[in-house]
């Protein structure tokens, strides 16, 4: 029997990048709905906050846009690491959402 090892920090980092990409993209509404149904209202709200900060940064300047993406990805990495540490049963959910995020 083959058993795979799941590296939670990697799942969190991949998820963070995908979630931020989705928050700033045209597929936001559909992705946000998936977050709401799979991870709940708290993370749904955080995704909305991320979208607002990304949109504000893009209006201010293109230089701030890249900076804002990096900051948001860092926030999501920590958020998802905490979530997966406390709820390892959600690892497959985060992986599925990561794969489903618009590119």
N, C-alpha and C. Protein backbone atom coordinates (compact mmCIF):
# COMPACT_ATOMS: atom_id res chain seq x y z
N UNK A 1 0.83 -1.17 0.00
CA UNK A 1 0.00 0.00 0.00
C UNK A 1 0.88 1.25 0.00
N UNK A 2 0.58 2.17 -0.89
CA UNK A 2 1.34 3.41 -0.99
C UNK A 2 0.68 4.49 -0.17
N UNK A 3 1.49 5.18 0.60
CA UNK A 3 0.98 6.25 1.43
C UNK A 3 1.73 7.53 1.07
N UNK A 4 1.00 8.60 0.85
CA UNK A 4 1.66 9.85 0.53
C UNK A 4 1.72 10.74 1.76
N UNK A 5 2.76 11.53 1.82
CA UNK A 5 2.94 12.47 2.92
C UNK A 5 2.49 13.84 2.43
N UNK A 6 1.66 14.47 3.21
CA UNK A 6 1.17 15.79 2.86
C UNK A 6 1.92 16.82 3.68
N UNK A 7 2.53 17.75 3.01
CA UNK A 7 3.30 18.80 3.65
C UNK A 7 2.38 20.01 3.82
N UNK A 8 1.86 20.18 5.03
CA UNK A 8 0.87 21.23 5.28
C UNK A 8 1.35 22.63 4.90
N UNK A 9 2.60 23.00 5.20
CA UNK A 9 3.03 24.35 4.79
C UNK A 9 2.98 24.54 3.27
N UNK A 10 3.26 23.49 2.52
CA UNK A 10 3.19 23.61 1.06
C UNK A 10 1.74 23.75 0.58
N UNK A 11 0.85 23.00 1.19
CA UNK A 11 -0.57 23.11 0.86
C UNK A 11 -1.05 24.53 1.16
N UNK A 12 -0.62 25.08 2.30
CA UNK A 12 -1.02 26.44 2.68
C UNK A 12 -0.45 27.47 1.70
N UNK A 13 0.80 27.31 1.31
CA UNK A 13 1.42 28.27 0.40
C UNK A 13 0.77 28.21 -0.99
N UNK A 14 0.57 27.01 -1.50
CA UNK A 14 -0.09 26.88 -2.81
C UNK A 14 -1.51 27.44 -2.75
N UNK A 15 -2.21 27.16 -1.67
CA UNK A 15 -3.56 27.68 -1.50
C UNK A 15 -3.57 29.19 -1.41
N UNK A 16 -2.62 29.75 -0.67
CA UNK A 16 -2.55 31.21 -0.51
C UNK A 16 -2.39 31.89 -1.86
N UNK A 17 -1.49 31.40 -2.67
CA UNK A 17 -1.26 32.02 -3.98
C UNK A 17 -2.51 31.89 -4.86
N UNK A 18 -3.15 30.74 -4.82
CA UNK A 18 -4.35 30.52 -5.64
C UNK A 18 -5.52 31.37 -5.15
N UNK A 19 -5.69 31.47 -3.85
CA UNK A 19 -6.81 32.23 -3.30
C UNK A 19 -6.66 33.71 -3.64
N UNK A 20 -5.45 34.23 -3.53
CA UNK A 20 -5.21 35.65 -3.84
C UNK A 20 -5.40 35.89 -5.33
N UNK A 21 -4.93 34.98 -6.15
CA UNK A 21 -5.13 35.11 -7.60
C UNK A 21 -6.63 35.14 -7.92
N UNK A 22 -7.39 34.27 -7.27
CA UNK A 22 -8.84 34.22 -7.49
C UNK A 22 -9.52 35.48 -6.96
N UNK A 23 -9.04 36.00 -5.84
CA UNK A 23 -9.65 37.20 -5.25
C UNK A 23 -9.51 38.41 -6.16
N UNK A 24 -8.43 38.45 -6.93
CA UNK A 24 -8.20 39.58 -7.81
C UNK A 24 -8.66 39.38 -9.23
N UNK A 25 -9.25 38.23 -9.51
CA UNK A 25 -9.59 37.91 -10.89
C UNK A 25 -11.08 37.97 -11.19
N UNK A 26 -11.40 37.76 -12.45
CA UNK A 26 -12.80 37.84 -12.88
C UNK A 26 -13.67 36.68 -12.39
N UNK A 27 -13.07 35.59 -11.97
CA UNK A 27 -13.84 34.45 -11.47
C UNK A 27 -14.08 34.50 -9.98
N UNK A 28 -13.94 35.68 -9.41
CA UNK A 28 -14.04 35.84 -7.95
C UNK A 28 -15.36 35.32 -7.38
N UNK A 29 -16.47 35.72 -7.96
CA UNK A 29 -17.77 35.38 -7.38
C UNK A 29 -17.97 33.87 -7.24
N UNK A 30 -17.65 33.13 -8.28
CA UNK A 30 -17.81 31.68 -8.24
C UNK A 30 -16.87 31.06 -7.21
N UNK A 31 -15.63 31.54 -7.19
CA UNK A 31 -14.65 31.00 -6.25
C UNK A 31 -15.05 31.35 -4.82
N UNK A 32 -15.50 32.57 -4.60
CA UNK A 32 -15.93 32.98 -3.25
C UNK A 32 -17.09 32.12 -2.77
N UNK A 33 -17.98 31.75 -3.67
CA UNK A 33 -19.07 30.86 -3.30
C UNK A 33 -18.58 29.50 -2.84
N UNK A 34 -17.54 29.01 -3.50
CA UNK A 34 -16.94 27.73 -3.07
C UNK A 34 -16.31 27.85 -1.69
N UNK A 35 -15.62 28.98 -1.46
CA UNK A 35 -15.02 29.21 -0.14
C UNK A 35 -16.11 29.22 0.93
N UNK A 36 -17.19 29.93 0.66
CA UNK A 36 -18.28 30.01 1.62
C UNK A 36 -18.85 28.64 1.94
N UNK A 37 -19.10 27.85 0.91
CA UNK A 37 -19.73 26.54 1.15
C UNK A 37 -18.77 25.52 1.74
N UNK A 38 -17.49 25.64 1.46
CA UNK A 38 -16.53 24.62 1.93
C UNK A 38 -15.78 25.00 3.20
N UNK A 39 -15.52 26.32 3.38
CA UNK A 39 -14.70 26.73 4.52
C UNK A 39 -15.41 27.69 5.47
N UNK A 40 -16.59 28.17 5.10
CA UNK A 40 -17.38 28.97 6.03
C UNK A 40 -17.29 30.48 5.85
N UNK A 41 -18.07 31.15 6.68
CA UNK A 41 -18.24 32.60 6.54
C UNK A 41 -17.00 33.40 6.91
N UNK A 42 -16.23 32.93 7.87
CA UNK A 42 -15.04 33.70 8.27
C UNK A 42 -14.05 33.82 7.12
N UNK A 43 -13.72 32.72 6.48
CA UNK A 43 -12.77 32.77 5.37
C UNK A 43 -13.38 33.43 4.13
N UNK A 44 -14.68 33.29 3.97
CA UNK A 44 -15.37 34.00 2.90
C UNK A 44 -15.20 35.51 3.09
N UNK A 45 -15.39 35.97 4.31
CA UNK A 45 -15.20 37.39 4.61
C UNK A 45 -13.77 37.84 4.40
N UNK A 46 -12.83 37.01 4.78
CA UNK A 46 -11.41 37.34 4.57
C UNK A 46 -11.09 37.43 3.08
N UNK A 47 -11.69 36.56 2.28
CA UNK A 47 -11.47 36.62 0.83
C UNK A 47 -12.03 37.93 0.27
N UNK A 48 -13.18 38.33 0.76
CA UNK A 48 -13.76 39.60 0.35
C UNK A 48 -12.86 40.78 0.73
N UNK A 49 -12.32 40.75 1.94
CA UNK A 49 -11.39 41.79 2.38
C UNK A 49 -10.16 41.82 1.49
N UNK A 50 -9.66 40.65 1.14
CA UNK A 50 -8.50 40.56 0.25
C UNK A 50 -8.82 41.21 -1.09
N UNK A 51 -9.98 40.89 -1.63
CA UNK A 51 -10.37 41.47 -2.92
C UNK A 51 -10.42 43.00 -2.84
N UNK A 52 -11.00 43.52 -1.77
CA UNK A 52 -11.09 44.97 -1.61
C UNK A 52 -9.71 45.61 -1.55
N UNK A 53 -8.79 45.01 -0.81
CA UNK A 53 -7.44 45.57 -0.71
C UNK A 53 -6.71 45.50 -2.05
N UNK A 54 -6.90 44.40 -2.78
CA UNK A 54 -6.26 44.28 -4.10
C UNK A 54 -6.82 45.31 -5.08
N UNK A 55 -8.12 45.49 -5.07
CA UNK A 55 -8.73 46.47 -5.96
C UNK A 55 -8.27 47.88 -5.61
N UNK A 56 -8.20 48.19 -4.33
CA UNK A 56 -7.72 49.51 -3.91
C UNK A 56 -6.28 49.73 -4.34
N UNK A 57 -5.45 48.73 -4.20
CA UNK A 57 -4.04 48.85 -4.58
C UNK A 57 -3.90 49.03 -6.09
N UNK A 58 -4.73 48.36 -6.86
CA UNK A 58 -4.62 48.49 -8.32
C UNK A 58 -5.06 49.87 -8.79
N UNK A 59 -5.95 50.50 -8.07
CA UNK A 59 -6.37 51.86 -8.42
C UNK A 59 -5.28 52.87 -8.08
N UNK A 60 -4.60 52.65 -6.97
CA UNK A 60 -3.57 53.58 -6.52
C UNK A 60 -2.35 53.60 -7.44
N UNK A 61 -1.85 52.41 -7.79
CA UNK A 61 -0.64 52.36 -8.61
C UNK A 61 -0.33 50.92 -8.97
N UNK A 62 0.29 50.73 -10.12
CA UNK A 62 0.66 49.38 -10.54
C UNK A 62 1.78 48.82 -9.67
N UNK A 63 2.64 49.68 -9.13
CA UNK A 63 3.69 49.21 -8.23
C UNK A 63 3.11 48.67 -6.94
N UNK A 64 2.09 49.33 -6.41
CA UNK A 64 1.44 48.87 -5.19
C UNK A 64 0.69 47.57 -5.42
N UNK A 65 0.26 47.35 -6.65
CA UNK A 65 -0.49 46.14 -6.98
C UNK A 65 0.35 44.89 -6.68
N UNK A 66 1.59 44.86 -7.13
CA UNK A 66 2.46 43.70 -6.89
C UNK A 66 2.75 43.54 -5.40
N UNK A 67 2.99 44.64 -4.75
CA UNK A 67 3.26 44.64 -3.32
C UNK A 67 2.05 44.10 -2.57
N UNK A 68 0.86 44.55 -2.95
CA UNK A 68 -0.38 44.11 -2.30
C UNK A 68 -0.59 42.60 -2.49
N UNK A 69 -0.30 42.09 -3.67
CA UNK A 69 -0.45 40.65 -3.93
C UNK A 69 0.47 39.86 -3.01
N UNK A 70 1.70 40.31 -2.86
CA UNK A 70 2.65 39.61 -1.98
C UNK A 70 2.19 39.64 -0.53
N UNK A 71 1.71 40.78 -0.08
CA UNK A 71 1.24 40.89 1.31
C UNK A 71 0.03 39.99 1.53
N UNK A 72 -0.91 40.03 0.60
CA UNK A 72 -2.11 39.20 0.74
C UNK A 72 -1.76 37.71 0.72
N UNK A 73 -0.84 37.31 -0.13
CA UNK A 73 -0.43 35.89 -0.17
C UNK A 73 0.19 35.49 1.16
N UNK A 74 0.97 36.37 1.75
CA UNK A 74 1.57 36.08 3.06
C UNK A 74 0.50 35.93 4.13
N UNK A 75 -0.48 36.80 4.10
CA UNK A 75 -1.58 36.71 5.07
C UNK A 75 -2.33 35.38 4.91
N UNK A 76 -2.61 35.03 3.67
CA UNK A 76 -3.34 33.78 3.43
C UNK A 76 -2.52 32.55 3.80
N UNK A 77 -1.21 32.62 3.59
CA UNK A 77 -0.38 31.47 3.97
C UNK A 77 -0.49 31.21 5.46
N UNK A 78 -0.38 32.25 6.26
CA UNK A 78 -0.48 32.10 7.71
C UNK A 78 -1.88 31.63 8.09
N UNK A 79 -2.88 32.24 7.49
CA UNK A 79 -4.28 31.90 7.78
C UNK A 79 -4.53 30.41 7.49
N UNK A 80 -4.06 29.96 6.33
CA UNK A 80 -4.29 28.56 5.95
C UNK A 80 -3.44 27.60 6.77
N UNK A 81 -2.23 27.99 7.11
CA UNK A 81 -1.42 27.12 7.98
C UNK A 81 -2.11 26.92 9.33
N UNK A 82 -2.62 28.00 9.89
CA UNK A 82 -3.35 27.89 11.17
C UNK A 82 -4.58 27.00 11.03
N UNK A 83 -5.33 27.20 9.96
CA UNK A 83 -6.51 26.39 9.72
C UNK A 83 -6.15 24.91 9.62
N UNK A 84 -5.13 24.60 8.83
CA UNK A 84 -4.77 23.19 8.61
C UNK A 84 -4.13 22.55 9.83
N UNK A 85 -3.47 23.35 10.64
CA UNK A 85 -2.90 22.83 11.88
C UNK A 85 -4.03 22.42 12.84
N UNK A 86 -5.06 23.26 12.89
CA UNK A 86 -6.19 22.98 13.78
C UNK A 86 -7.21 22.02 13.20
N UNK A 87 -7.30 21.99 11.88
CA UNK A 87 -8.29 21.15 11.19
C UNK A 87 -7.63 20.40 10.03
N UNK A 88 -6.77 19.42 10.32
CA UNK A 88 -6.10 18.70 9.24
C UNK A 88 -7.07 17.98 8.30
N UNK A 89 -8.29 17.77 8.75
CA UNK A 89 -9.29 17.13 7.89
C UNK A 89 -9.67 18.03 6.70
N UNK A 90 -9.31 19.31 6.77
CA UNK A 90 -9.62 20.24 5.67
C UNK A 90 -8.52 20.31 4.61
N UNK A 91 -7.46 19.55 4.78
CA UNK A 91 -6.38 19.56 3.77
C UNK A 91 -6.92 19.21 2.39
N UNK A 92 -7.70 18.14 2.24
CA UNK A 92 -8.22 17.84 0.89
C UNK A 92 -9.11 18.96 0.34
N UNK A 93 -9.85 19.62 1.20
CA UNK A 93 -10.72 20.71 0.77
C UNK A 93 -9.88 21.87 0.23
N UNK A 94 -8.85 22.25 0.96
CA UNK A 94 -7.97 23.34 0.52
C UNK A 94 -7.27 22.95 -0.79
N UNK A 95 -6.84 21.70 -0.89
CA UNK A 95 -6.21 21.25 -2.14
C UNK A 95 -7.18 21.33 -3.31
N UNK A 96 -8.42 20.92 -3.10
CA UNK A 96 -9.43 20.98 -4.17
C UNK A 96 -9.72 22.43 -4.56
N UNK A 97 -9.84 23.30 -3.59
CA UNK A 97 -10.08 24.71 -3.88
C UNK A 97 -8.89 25.33 -4.62
N UNK A 98 -7.71 24.94 -4.23
CA UNK A 98 -6.50 25.43 -4.90
C UNK A 98 -6.51 25.03 -6.38
N UNK A 99 -6.84 23.78 -6.62
CA UNK A 99 -6.89 23.29 -8.01
C UNK A 99 -8.00 23.94 -8.80
N UNK A 100 -9.10 24.30 -8.12
CA UNK A 100 -10.26 24.88 -8.80
C UNK A 100 -10.13 26.39 -9.02
N UNK A 101 -9.15 27.02 -8.39
CA UNK A 101 -9.00 28.47 -8.50
C UNK A 101 -8.70 28.87 -9.94
N UNK A 102 -9.32 29.94 -10.39
CA UNK A 102 -9.03 30.42 -11.75
C UNK A 102 -7.56 30.78 -11.90
N UNK A 103 -7.03 30.54 -13.05
CA UNK A 103 -5.61 30.85 -13.29
C UNK A 103 -5.45 32.13 -14.03
